């Protein structure tokens, strides 16, 4: 298989992670699972444990809440497929760390991540949540989170070879639908729309 960048996006419990794992199994070879979740409480620790148990024992897992590009520069060279699960929690970690990250810093981190992918040989399967379909959050940090995640998702989707939208466990591949959105956009200074 040729190197590919795949984005899997959807709502909570839409089947994103399971589908990412199925894709990686189909590709075969050495798989690196880059987990961004942190166990801040017992319930989250239990979720993480269940998630780990669902992965094949032969896959290597690296837990990194913040420095994804740096970790991938070191770790991805000896692998065929990288699963990043997920951008949603990564953004949460970046925004809540001491000092908080700005929009510019976060989108710069996304650029670094995409550059590491471009320079490497591994395929990437990137999981992210879609949080922009609901109500506008009533507080500034919630609005900032929703907006930056939307811009992150647009940035990754613009570079991805395939983008899957998960709905009720069913994947819908968006880029193959025929409309070449890049031919109708007039975004001269970036690959995403704000």
N, C-alpha and C. Protein backbone atom coordinates (compact mmCIF):
# COMPACT_ATOMS: atom_id res chain seq x y z
N UNK A 1 0.83 -1.18 0.00
CA UNK A 1 0.00 0.00 0.00
C UNK A 1 0.87 1.25 0.00
N UNK A 2 0.45 2.25 -0.74
CA UNK A 2 1.15 3.52 -0.74
C UNK A 2 0.84 4.27 0.55
N UNK A 3 1.74 5.14 0.91
CA UNK A 3 1.55 5.97 2.09
C UNK A 3 0.30 6.82 1.92
N UNK A 4 -0.54 6.88 2.97
CA UNK A 4 -1.77 7.66 2.94
C UNK A 4 -1.96 8.39 4.26
N UNK A 5 -2.61 9.54 4.18
CA UNK A 5 -3.09 10.25 5.35
C UNK A 5 -4.61 10.13 5.34
N UNK A 6 -5.16 9.53 6.39
CA UNK A 6 -6.60 9.29 6.49
C UNK A 6 -7.11 10.00 7.74
N UNK A 7 -8.16 10.79 7.60
CA UNK A 7 -8.83 11.43 8.72
C UNK A 7 -10.16 10.75 8.94
N UNK A 8 -10.42 10.37 10.19
CA UNK A 8 -11.70 9.78 10.58
C UNK A 8 -12.33 10.73 11.59
N UNK A 9 -13.50 11.26 11.24
CA UNK A 9 -14.14 12.27 12.06
C UNK A 9 -15.58 11.86 12.34
N UNK A 10 -16.08 12.26 13.49
CA UNK A 10 -17.46 11.95 13.83
C UNK A 10 -17.77 12.36 15.25
N UNK A 11 -18.98 12.12 15.66
CA UNK A 11 -19.42 12.46 17.01
C UNK A 11 -19.01 11.40 18.02
N UNK A 12 -19.40 11.63 19.26
CA UNK A 12 -19.12 10.68 20.33
C UNK A 12 -19.80 9.35 20.05
N UNK A 13 -19.06 8.27 20.27
CA UNK A 13 -19.57 6.91 20.09
C UNK A 13 -20.08 6.64 18.68
N UNK A 14 -19.44 7.28 17.70
CA UNK A 14 -19.84 7.05 16.31
C UNK A 14 -19.08 5.89 15.68
N UNK A 15 -18.06 5.36 16.37
CA UNK A 15 -17.29 4.24 15.84
C UNK A 15 -15.95 4.64 15.25
N UNK A 16 -15.48 5.85 15.56
CA UNK A 16 -14.24 6.36 14.97
C UNK A 16 -13.03 5.48 15.28
N UNK A 17 -12.82 5.20 16.55
CA UNK A 17 -11.64 4.44 16.96
C UNK A 17 -11.66 3.01 16.43
N UNK A 18 -12.82 2.38 16.51
CA UNK A 18 -12.95 1.00 15.99
C UNK A 18 -12.64 0.95 14.50
N UNK A 19 -13.15 1.92 13.77
CA UNK A 19 -12.91 1.96 12.33
C UNK A 19 -11.43 2.20 12.06
N UNK A 20 -10.79 3.08 12.81
CA UNK A 20 -9.35 3.33 12.65
C UNK A 20 -8.56 2.04 12.86
N UNK A 21 -8.94 1.29 13.86
CA UNK A 21 -8.25 0.02 14.12
C UNK A 21 -8.46 -0.98 13.00
N UNK A 22 -9.68 -1.04 12.47
CA UNK A 22 -9.95 -1.95 11.33
C UNK A 22 -9.12 -1.57 10.12
N UNK A 23 -9.03 -0.27 9.84
CA UNK A 23 -8.21 0.19 8.71
C UNK A 23 -6.75 -0.22 8.90
N UNK A 24 -6.22 0.00 10.10
CA UNK A 24 -4.82 -0.34 10.36
C UNK A 24 -4.58 -1.84 10.22
N UNK A 25 -5.50 -2.66 10.69
CA UNK A 25 -5.37 -4.11 10.55
C UNK A 25 -5.36 -4.51 9.08
N UNK A 26 -6.18 -3.86 8.27
CA UNK A 26 -6.22 -4.17 6.84
C UNK A 26 -4.93 -3.79 6.14
N UNK A 27 -4.31 -2.70 6.58
CA UNK A 27 -3.03 -2.30 5.98
C UNK A 27 -1.96 -3.31 6.35
N UNK A 28 -1.98 -3.75 7.61
CA UNK A 28 -0.98 -4.71 8.08
C UNK A 28 0.33 -4.03 8.41
N UNK A 29 1.32 -4.83 8.71
CA UNK A 29 2.63 -4.30 9.06
C UNK A 29 2.68 -3.83 10.50
N UNK A 30 3.71 -3.06 10.79
CA UNK A 30 3.93 -2.56 12.15
C UNK A 30 3.05 -1.34 12.40
N UNK A 31 2.32 -1.38 13.51
CA UNK A 31 1.39 -0.30 13.84
C UNK A 31 1.85 0.37 15.13
N UNK A 32 1.88 1.69 15.09
CA UNK A 32 2.14 2.52 16.26
C UNK A 32 0.85 3.24 16.61
N UNK A 33 0.38 3.06 17.83
CA UNK A 33 -0.83 3.73 18.31
C UNK A 33 -0.39 4.88 19.21
N UNK A 34 -0.66 6.10 18.78
CA UNK A 34 -0.30 7.29 19.57
C UNK A 34 -1.56 7.77 20.28
N UNK A 35 -1.59 7.58 21.59
CA UNK A 35 -2.77 7.90 22.41
C UNK A 35 -2.57 9.25 23.08
N UNK A 36 -3.58 10.10 23.00
CA UNK A 36 -3.49 11.44 23.59
C UNK A 36 -4.26 11.58 24.89
N UNK A 37 -5.03 10.57 25.27
CA UNK A 37 -5.87 10.65 26.47
C UNK A 37 -5.02 10.61 27.73
N UNK A 38 -5.51 11.29 28.76
CA UNK A 38 -4.88 11.25 30.08
C UNK A 38 -5.93 10.80 31.09
N UNK A 39 -5.50 9.97 32.02
CA UNK A 39 -6.42 9.44 33.04
C UNK A 39 -6.49 10.41 34.21
N UNK A 40 -7.39 11.38 34.11
CA UNK A 40 -7.54 12.36 35.19
C UNK A 40 -8.42 11.87 36.32
N UNK A 41 -9.16 10.78 36.10
CA UNK A 41 -10.01 10.23 37.15
C UNK A 41 -10.19 8.74 36.89
N UNK A 42 -10.86 8.05 37.80
CA UNK A 42 -11.01 6.59 37.70
C UNK A 42 -11.80 6.18 36.46
N UNK A 43 -12.84 6.93 36.15
CA UNK A 43 -13.66 6.58 34.99
C UNK A 43 -12.85 6.68 33.70
N UNK A 44 -12.03 7.72 33.59
CA UNK A 44 -11.20 7.87 32.38
C UNK A 44 -10.13 6.78 32.34
N UNK A 45 -9.57 6.44 33.48
CA UNK A 45 -8.59 5.35 33.53
C UNK A 45 -9.20 4.04 33.04
N UNK A 46 -10.46 3.81 33.42
CA UNK A 46 -11.15 2.60 32.98
C UNK A 46 -11.39 2.63 31.46
N UNK A 47 -11.76 3.78 30.93
CA UNK A 47 -11.94 3.92 29.48
C UNK A 47 -10.64 3.62 28.74
N UNK A 48 -9.55 4.18 29.23
CA UNK A 48 -8.25 3.97 28.60
C UNK A 48 -7.88 2.49 28.64
N UNK A 49 -8.12 1.83 29.77
CA UNK A 49 -7.81 0.40 29.89
C UNK A 49 -8.62 -0.42 28.89
N UNK A 50 -9.91 -0.11 28.73
CA UNK A 50 -10.75 -0.83 27.75
C UNK A 50 -10.24 -0.59 26.33
N UNK A 51 -9.85 0.63 26.07
CA UNK A 51 -9.34 0.99 24.74
C UNK A 51 -8.07 0.20 24.44
N UNK A 52 -7.16 0.14 25.42
CA UNK A 52 -5.91 -0.63 25.23
C UNK A 52 -6.21 -2.10 24.98
N UNK A 53 -7.15 -2.65 25.73
CA UNK A 53 -7.49 -4.07 25.59
C UNK A 53 -8.07 -4.40 24.23
N UNK A 54 -8.63 -3.41 23.55
CA UNK A 54 -9.24 -3.66 22.24
C UNK A 54 -8.21 -3.72 21.11
N UNK A 55 -6.97 -3.32 21.40
CA UNK A 55 -5.94 -3.30 20.37
C UNK A 55 -5.12 -4.59 20.37
N UNK A 56 -4.65 -5.01 19.20
CA UNK A 56 -3.78 -6.19 19.14
C UNK A 56 -2.51 -6.00 20.00
N UNK A 57 -2.09 -7.05 20.64
CA UNK A 57 -0.92 -7.00 21.52
C UNK A 57 0.36 -6.68 20.76
N UNK A 58 0.36 -6.92 19.46
CA UNK A 58 1.57 -6.66 18.66
C UNK A 58 1.75 -5.18 18.32
N UNK A 59 0.72 -4.39 18.53
CA UNK A 59 0.83 -2.95 18.24
C UNK A 59 1.57 -2.27 19.38
N UNK A 60 2.39 -1.32 19.01
CA UNK A 60 3.12 -0.54 20.00
C UNK A 60 2.28 0.70 20.34
N UNK A 61 2.15 0.99 21.63
CA UNK A 61 1.40 2.15 22.08
C UNK A 61 2.34 3.15 22.72
N UNK A 62 2.20 4.39 22.33
CA UNK A 62 2.90 5.50 22.97
C UNK A 62 1.84 6.47 23.45
N UNK A 63 1.90 6.80 24.73
CA UNK A 63 0.96 7.76 25.30
C UNK A 63 1.64 9.11 25.37
N UNK A 64 1.09 10.09 24.65
CA UNK A 64 1.67 11.44 24.63
C UNK A 64 0.54 12.45 24.52
N UNK A 65 0.33 13.25 25.57
CA UNK A 65 -0.78 14.19 25.54
C UNK A 65 -0.50 15.51 24.82
N UNK A 66 0.77 15.86 24.57
CA UNK A 66 1.08 17.19 24.04
C UNK A 66 1.98 17.21 22.81
N UNK A 67 3.12 16.59 22.87
CA UNK A 67 4.17 16.75 21.86
C UNK A 67 4.10 15.67 20.77
N UNK A 68 3.02 15.68 20.00
CA UNK A 68 2.82 14.63 19.00
C UNK A 68 3.89 14.64 17.91
N UNK A 69 4.20 15.79 17.36
CA UNK A 69 5.18 15.86 16.27
C UNK A 69 6.54 15.36 16.73
N UNK A 70 6.97 15.76 17.91
CA UNK A 70 8.28 15.32 18.41
C UNK A 70 8.34 13.82 18.60
N UNK A 71 7.27 13.26 19.17
CA UNK A 71 7.21 11.81 19.39
C UNK A 71 7.24 11.08 18.05
N UNK A 72 6.48 11.57 17.09
CA UNK A 72 6.42 10.89 15.80
C UNK A 72 7.73 11.00 15.03
N UNK A 73 8.46 12.08 15.19
CA UNK A 73 9.78 12.17 14.57
C UNK A 73 10.68 11.04 15.06
N UNK A 74 10.58 10.71 16.34
CA UNK A 74 11.41 9.65 16.93
C UNK A 74 10.87 8.26 16.65
N UNK A 75 9.55 8.10 16.74
CA UNK A 75 8.96 6.76 16.81
C UNK A 75 8.40 6.21 15.50
N UNK A 76 8.02 7.06 14.57
CA UNK A 76 7.29 6.59 13.39
C UNK A 76 8.18 5.99 12.31
N UNK A 77 9.47 6.23 12.38
CA UNK A 77 10.37 5.73 11.33
C UNK A 77 10.38 4.21 11.24
N UNK A 78 10.13 3.54 12.35
CA UNK A 78 10.20 2.07 12.36
C UNK A 78 8.81 1.43 12.30
N UNK A 79 7.86 2.14 11.71
CA UNK A 79 6.51 1.61 11.64
C UNK A 79 5.91 1.82 10.26
N UNK A 80 4.84 1.08 9.98
CA UNK A 80 4.16 1.19 8.69
C UNK A 80 2.91 2.07 8.78
N UNK A 81 2.22 2.00 9.92
CA UNK A 81 0.97 2.72 10.11
C UNK A 81 0.98 3.36 11.50
N UNK A 82 0.59 4.62 11.54
CA UNK A 82 0.43 5.34 12.81
C UNK A 82 -1.05 5.66 12.97
N UNK A 83 -1.61 5.31 14.12
CA UNK A 83 -2.96 5.77 14.48
C UNK A 83 -2.78 6.86 15.53
N UNK A 84 -3.34 8.03 15.28
CA UNK A 84 -3.36 9.10 16.27
C UNK A 84 -4.79 9.19 16.79
N UNK A 85 -4.97 8.89 18.06
CA UNK A 85 -6.30 8.87 18.65
C UNK A 85 -6.26 9.63 19.98
N UNK A 86 -6.65 10.87 20.01
CA UNK A 86 -7.32 11.61 18.96
C UNK A 86 -6.95 13.08 19.04
N UNK A 87 -7.24 13.82 17.97
CA UNK A 87 -6.98 15.26 17.94
C UNK A 87 -7.85 16.00 18.95
N UNK A 88 -9.04 15.50 19.20
CA UNK A 88 -9.97 16.16 20.11
C UNK A 88 -9.38 16.27 21.51
N UNK A 89 -8.85 15.16 22.02
CA UNK A 89 -8.23 15.19 23.36
C UNK A 89 -6.91 15.93 23.34
N UNK A 90 -6.18 15.84 22.23
CA UNK A 90 -4.92 16.58 22.11
C UNK A 90 -5.18 18.08 22.27
N UNK A 91 -6.19 18.59 21.57
CA UNK A 91 -6.53 20.01 21.69
C UNK A 91 -6.92 20.34 23.13
N UNK A 92 -7.71 19.50 23.75
CA UNK A 92 -8.08 19.71 25.15
C UNK A 92 -6.82 19.84 26.01
N UNK A 93 -5.88 18.94 25.81
CA UNK A 93 -4.64 18.97 26.59
C UNK A 93 -3.85 20.25 26.35
N UNK A 94 -3.77 20.68 25.09
CA UNK A 94 -3.04 21.89 24.76
C UNK A 94 -3.68 23.13 25.38
N UNK A 95 -5.00 23.20 25.33
CA UNK A 95 -5.69 24.38 25.86
C UNK A 95 -5.69 24.44 27.38
N UNK A 96 -5.64 23.29 28.04
CA UNK A 96 -5.72 23.28 29.50
C UNK A 96 -4.37 23.20 30.20
N UNK A 97 -3.30 23.03 29.44
CA UNK A 97 -2.00 22.99 30.10
C UNK A 97 -1.70 24.37 30.69
N UNK A 98 -0.76 24.42 31.57
CA UNK A 98 -0.43 25.68 32.23
C UNK A 98 -0.08 26.75 31.20
N UNK A 99 -0.68 27.89 31.31
CA UNK A 99 -0.43 28.98 30.38
C UNK A 99 -1.34 28.96 29.17
N UNK A 100 -1.99 27.84 28.90
CA UNK A 100 -2.93 27.71 27.78
C UNK A 100 -2.28 28.05 26.43
N UNK A 101 -2.66 27.33 25.43
CA UNK A 101 -2.13 27.54 24.08
C UNK A 101 -3.06 28.45 23.30
N UNK A 102 -2.48 29.27 22.45
CA UNK A 102 -3.28 30.15 21.60
C UNK A 102 -3.65 29.42 20.31
N UNK A 103 -4.59 30.00 19.59
CA UNK A 103 -4.99 29.47 18.28
C UNK A 103 -3.78 29.32 17.37
N UNK A 104 -2.94 30.34 17.32
CA UNK A 104 -1.76 30.32 16.46
C UNK A 104 -0.81 29.19 16.86
N UNK A 105 -0.60 29.01 18.16
CA UNK A 105 0.29 27.94 18.63
C UNK A 105 -0.26 26.56 18.27
N UNK A 106 -1.55 26.37 18.48
CA UNK A 106 -2.16 25.07 18.20
C UNK A 106 -2.09 24.76 16.71
N UNK A 107 -2.47 25.70 15.87
CA UNK A 107 -2.44 25.45 14.43
C UNK A 107 -1.01 25.27 13.93
N UNK A 108 -0.05 25.91 14.59
CA UNK A 108 1.37 25.67 14.29
C UNK A 108 1.76 24.24 14.63
N UNK A 109 1.23 23.72 15.74
CA UNK A 109 1.49 22.32 16.12
C UNK A 109 0.91 21.36 15.08
N UNK A 110 -0.27 21.69 14.55
CA UNK A 110 -0.88 20.86 13.50
C UNK A 110 0.01 20.88 12.26
N UNK A 111 0.53 22.05 11.89
CA UNK A 111 1.45 22.13 10.75
C UNK A 111 2.68 21.26 10.97
N UNK A 112 3.24 21.29 12.18
CA UNK A 112 4.41 20.44 12.50
C UNK A 112 4.06 18.97 12.35
N UNK A 113 2.89 18.59 12.84
CA UNK A 113 2.45 17.20 12.74
C UNK A 113 2.33 16.78 11.28
N UNK A 114 1.73 17.63 10.45
CA UNK A 114 1.59 17.31 9.03
C UNK A 114 2.93 17.29 8.31
N UNK A 115 3.86 18.12 8.73
CA UNK A 115 5.21 18.10 8.15
C UNK A 115 5.92 16.79 8.47
N UNK A 116 5.77 16.31 9.71
CA UNK A 116 6.40 15.04 10.09
C UNK A 116 5.80 13.91 9.25
N UNK A 117 4.50 13.93 9.05
CA UNK A 117 3.88 12.93 8.19
C UNK A 117 4.48 12.99 6.78
N UNK A 118 4.53 14.19 6.22
CA UNK A 118 5.00 14.37 4.85
C UNK A 118 6.43 13.85 4.66
N UNK A 119 7.28 14.07 5.63
CA UNK A 119 8.69 13.67 5.53
C UNK A 119 8.91 12.19 5.82
N UNK A 120 7.94 11.54 6.45
CA UNK A 120 8.11 10.13 6.82
C UNK A 120 7.61 9.17 5.77
N UNK A 121 7.64 7.90 6.11
CA UNK A 121 7.21 6.85 5.19
C UNK A 121 5.94 6.13 5.65
N UNK A 122 5.52 6.36 6.88
CA UNK A 122 4.35 5.66 7.43
C UNK A 122 3.05 6.31 6.99
N UNK A 123 2.02 5.49 6.87
CA UNK A 123 0.67 6.01 6.71
C UNK A 123 0.17 6.48 8.06
N UNK A 124 -0.68 7.51 8.06
CA UNK A 124 -1.28 8.00 9.30
C UNK A 124 -2.79 7.85 9.21
N UNK A 125 -3.37 7.36 10.28
CA UNK A 125 -4.82 7.33 10.45
C UNK A 125 -5.09 8.21 11.66
N UNK A 126 -5.75 9.34 11.41
CA UNK A 126 -5.96 10.36 12.43
C UNK A 126 -7.44 10.39 12.81
N UNK A 127 -7.71 10.28 14.10
CA UNK A 127 -9.08 10.29 14.62
C UNK A 127 -9.35 11.65 15.26
N UNK A 128 -10.52 12.20 14.97
CA UNK A 128 -10.90 13.48 15.56
C UNK A 128 -12.41 13.54 15.73
N UNK A 129 -12.83 14.33 16.70
CA UNK A 129 -14.25 14.52 16.95
C UNK A 129 -14.81 15.68 16.13
N UNK A 130 -16.08 15.60 15.87
CA UNK A 130 -16.81 16.71 15.25
C UNK A 130 -17.71 17.29 16.32
N UNK A 131 -17.35 18.46 16.82
CA UNK A 131 -18.12 19.08 17.90
C UNK A 131 -18.87 20.31 17.43
N UNK A 132 -18.79 20.64 16.16
CA UNK A 132 -19.39 21.85 15.66
C UNK A 132 -20.84 21.72 15.21
N UNK A 133 -21.46 20.58 15.44
CA UNK A 133 -22.83 20.38 14.99
C UNK A 133 -23.87 20.72 16.06
N UNK A 134 -23.39 21.04 17.26
CA UNK A 134 -24.32 21.30 18.36
C UNK A 134 -24.49 22.79 18.62
N UNK A 135 -24.90 23.09 19.82
CA UNK A 135 -25.12 24.46 20.24
C UNK A 135 -23.80 25.20 20.41
N UNK A 136 -23.86 26.52 20.33
CA UNK A 136 -22.69 27.34 20.60
C UNK A 136 -22.44 27.29 22.10
N UNK A 137 -21.23 26.90 22.54
CA UNK A 137 -20.96 26.84 23.98
C UNK A 137 -21.18 28.20 24.64
N UNK A 138 -21.69 28.21 25.87
CA UNK A 138 -22.03 29.46 26.54
C UNK A 138 -20.84 30.15 27.21
N UNK A 139 -19.64 29.59 27.09
CA UNK A 139 -18.49 30.18 27.77
C UNK A 139 -17.32 30.30 26.78
N UNK A 140 -16.43 31.28 26.99
CA UNK A 140 -15.36 31.57 26.01
C UNK A 140 -14.45 30.39 25.71
N UNK A 141 -14.01 29.63 26.72
CA UNK A 141 -13.10 28.52 26.45
C UNK A 141 -13.78 27.45 25.60
N UNK A 142 -15.05 27.21 25.83
CA UNK A 142 -15.79 26.25 25.01
C UNK A 142 -15.90 26.68 23.56
N UNK A 143 -16.14 27.97 23.35
CA UNK A 143 -16.22 28.50 21.98
C UNK A 143 -14.85 28.42 21.31
N UNK A 144 -13.79 28.78 22.05
CA UNK A 144 -12.45 28.70 21.50
C UNK A 144 -12.10 27.26 21.12
N UNK A 145 -12.42 26.32 22.02
CA UNK A 145 -12.17 24.89 21.76
C UNK A 145 -12.89 24.44 20.48
N UNK A 146 -14.17 24.74 20.39
CA UNK A 146 -14.97 24.34 19.22
C UNK A 146 -14.38 24.93 17.94
N UNK A 147 -14.03 26.22 17.98
CA UNK A 147 -13.51 26.88 16.78
C UNK A 147 -12.16 26.30 16.36
N UNK A 148 -11.24 26.16 17.32
CA UNK A 148 -9.90 25.65 16.96
C UNK A 148 -10.01 24.21 16.47
N UNK A 149 -10.84 23.40 17.09
CA UNK A 149 -10.98 22.02 16.62
C UNK A 149 -11.51 21.99 15.19
N UNK A 150 -12.46 22.86 14.88
CA UNK A 150 -12.96 22.94 13.51
C UNK A 150 -11.86 23.31 12.54
N UNK A 151 -11.01 24.27 12.91
CA UNK A 151 -9.90 24.67 12.03
C UNK A 151 -8.86 23.56 11.92
N UNK A 152 -8.58 22.87 13.04
CA UNK A 152 -7.66 21.73 12.99
C UNK A 152 -8.17 20.67 12.02
N UNK A 153 -9.44 20.33 12.17
CA UNK A 153 -10.03 19.30 11.31
C UNK A 153 -9.98 19.71 9.84
N UNK A 154 -10.26 20.98 9.56
CA UNK A 154 -10.19 21.45 8.18
C UNK A 154 -8.77 21.34 7.63
N UNK A 155 -7.80 21.70 8.44
CA UNK A 155 -6.40 21.66 8.02
C UNK A 155 -5.98 20.23 7.67
N UNK A 156 -6.30 19.30 8.57
CA UNK A 156 -5.92 17.90 8.33
C UNK A 156 -6.71 17.35 7.14
N UNK A 157 -8.00 17.65 7.06
CA UNK A 157 -8.82 17.15 5.96
C UNK A 157 -8.31 17.65 4.61
N UNK A 158 -7.83 18.89 4.57
CA UNK A 158 -7.35 19.43 3.30
C UNK A 158 -6.13 18.69 2.78
N UNK A 159 -5.34 18.12 3.68
CA UNK A 159 -4.14 17.38 3.29
C UNK A 159 -4.36 15.87 3.19
N UNK A 160 -5.48 15.40 3.74
CA UNK A 160 -5.73 13.96 3.79
C UNK A 160 -6.06 13.40 2.41
N UNK A 161 -5.65 12.16 2.20
CA UNK A 161 -6.01 11.44 0.98
C UNK A 161 -7.46 10.96 1.05
N UNK A 162 -7.89 10.58 2.26
CA UNK A 162 -9.26 10.14 2.49
C UNK A 162 -9.76 10.75 3.78
N UNK A 163 -11.05 11.10 3.79
CA UNK A 163 -11.71 11.61 4.99
C UNK A 163 -12.99 10.82 5.16
N UNK A 164 -13.10 10.15 6.31
CA UNK A 164 -14.30 9.39 6.62
C UNK A 164 -15.09 10.09 7.70
N UNK A 165 -16.39 10.26 7.47
CA UNK A 165 -17.32 10.75 8.47
C UNK A 165 -18.03 9.52 9.02
N UNK A 166 -17.94 9.33 10.34
CA UNK A 166 -18.58 8.18 10.98
C UNK A 166 -19.94 8.60 11.54
N UNK A 167 -20.96 7.85 11.18
CA UNK A 167 -22.30 8.07 11.71
C UNK A 167 -22.87 6.71 12.10
N UNK A 168 -23.15 6.52 13.38
CA UNK A 168 -23.74 5.27 13.89
C UNK A 168 -22.94 4.05 13.45
N UNK A 169 -21.61 4.18 13.48
CA UNK A 169 -20.75 3.06 13.12
C UNK A 169 -20.55 2.84 11.64
N UNK A 170 -21.12 3.70 10.82
CA UNK A 170 -21.03 3.55 9.37
C UNK A 170 -20.11 4.63 8.81
N UNK A 171 -19.05 4.22 8.08
CA UNK A 171 -18.14 5.21 7.50
C UNK A 171 -18.65 5.73 6.16
N UNK A 172 -18.57 7.03 5.99
CA UNK A 172 -18.90 7.67 4.72
C UNK A 172 -17.65 8.39 4.25
N UNK A 173 -17.09 7.98 3.12
CA UNK A 173 -15.85 8.58 2.62
C UNK A 173 -16.19 9.85 1.85
N UNK A 174 -15.79 10.99 2.37
CA UNK A 174 -16.24 12.28 1.86
C UNK A 174 -15.53 12.73 0.59
N UNK A 175 -14.24 12.51 0.48
CA UNK A 175 -13.51 13.03 -0.67
C UNK A 175 -13.84 12.32 -1.97
N UNK A 176 -14.42 11.15 -1.88
CA UNK A 176 -14.76 10.40 -3.09
C UNK A 176 -16.16 10.73 -3.61
N UNK A 177 -16.85 11.66 -2.96
CA UNK A 177 -18.22 11.96 -3.37
C UNK A 177 -18.33 12.73 -4.67
N UNK A 178 -17.21 13.20 -5.18
CA UNK A 178 -17.24 13.84 -6.50
C UNK A 178 -17.02 15.33 -6.49
N UNK A 179 -17.47 16.04 -5.48
CA UNK A 179 -17.27 17.49 -5.44
C UNK A 179 -15.85 17.78 -4.97
N UNK A 180 -15.08 18.39 -5.80
CA UNK A 180 -13.72 18.77 -5.44
C UNK A 180 -13.77 20.16 -4.81
N UNK A 181 -13.95 20.19 -3.49
CA UNK A 181 -14.13 21.46 -2.80
C UNK A 181 -12.95 22.38 -3.00
N UNK A 182 -11.75 21.83 -3.22
CA UNK A 182 -10.58 22.68 -3.40
C UNK A 182 -10.69 23.51 -4.67
N UNK A 183 -11.49 23.06 -5.63
CA UNK A 183 -11.63 23.82 -6.88
C UNK A 183 -12.61 24.99 -6.73
N UNK A 184 -13.38 25.03 -5.64
CA UNK A 184 -14.33 26.12 -5.48
C UNK A 184 -13.98 27.06 -4.33
N UNK A 185 -12.89 26.80 -3.65
CA UNK A 185 -12.50 27.66 -2.53
C UNK A 185 -11.47 28.69 -3.00
N UNK A 186 -11.49 29.83 -2.40
CA UNK A 186 -10.53 30.89 -2.72
C UNK A 186 -9.75 31.24 -1.47
N UNK A 187 -9.05 30.26 -0.94
CA UNK A 187 -8.29 30.45 0.29
C UNK A 187 -6.82 30.49 -0.09
N UNK A 188 -6.29 31.67 -0.26
CA UNK A 188 -4.95 31.81 -0.79
C UNK A 188 -3.85 31.70 0.25
N UNK A 189 -4.16 31.96 1.54
CA UNK A 189 -3.05 31.94 2.49
C UNK A 189 -3.05 30.72 3.40
N UNK A 190 -3.99 29.78 3.23
CA UNK A 190 -3.96 28.58 4.06
C UNK A 190 -4.81 27.50 3.41
N UNK A 191 -4.76 26.32 4.01
CA UNK A 191 -5.53 25.20 3.50
C UNK A 191 -6.83 24.99 4.26
N UNK A 192 -7.21 25.90 5.09
CA UNK A 192 -8.45 25.78 5.85
C UNK A 192 -9.15 27.12 5.84
N UNK A 193 -10.42 27.08 6.16
CA UNK A 193 -11.24 28.27 6.12
C UNK A 193 -11.67 28.67 7.53
N UNK A 194 -11.45 29.93 7.88
CA UNK A 194 -11.89 30.40 9.19
C UNK A 194 -13.14 31.20 9.05
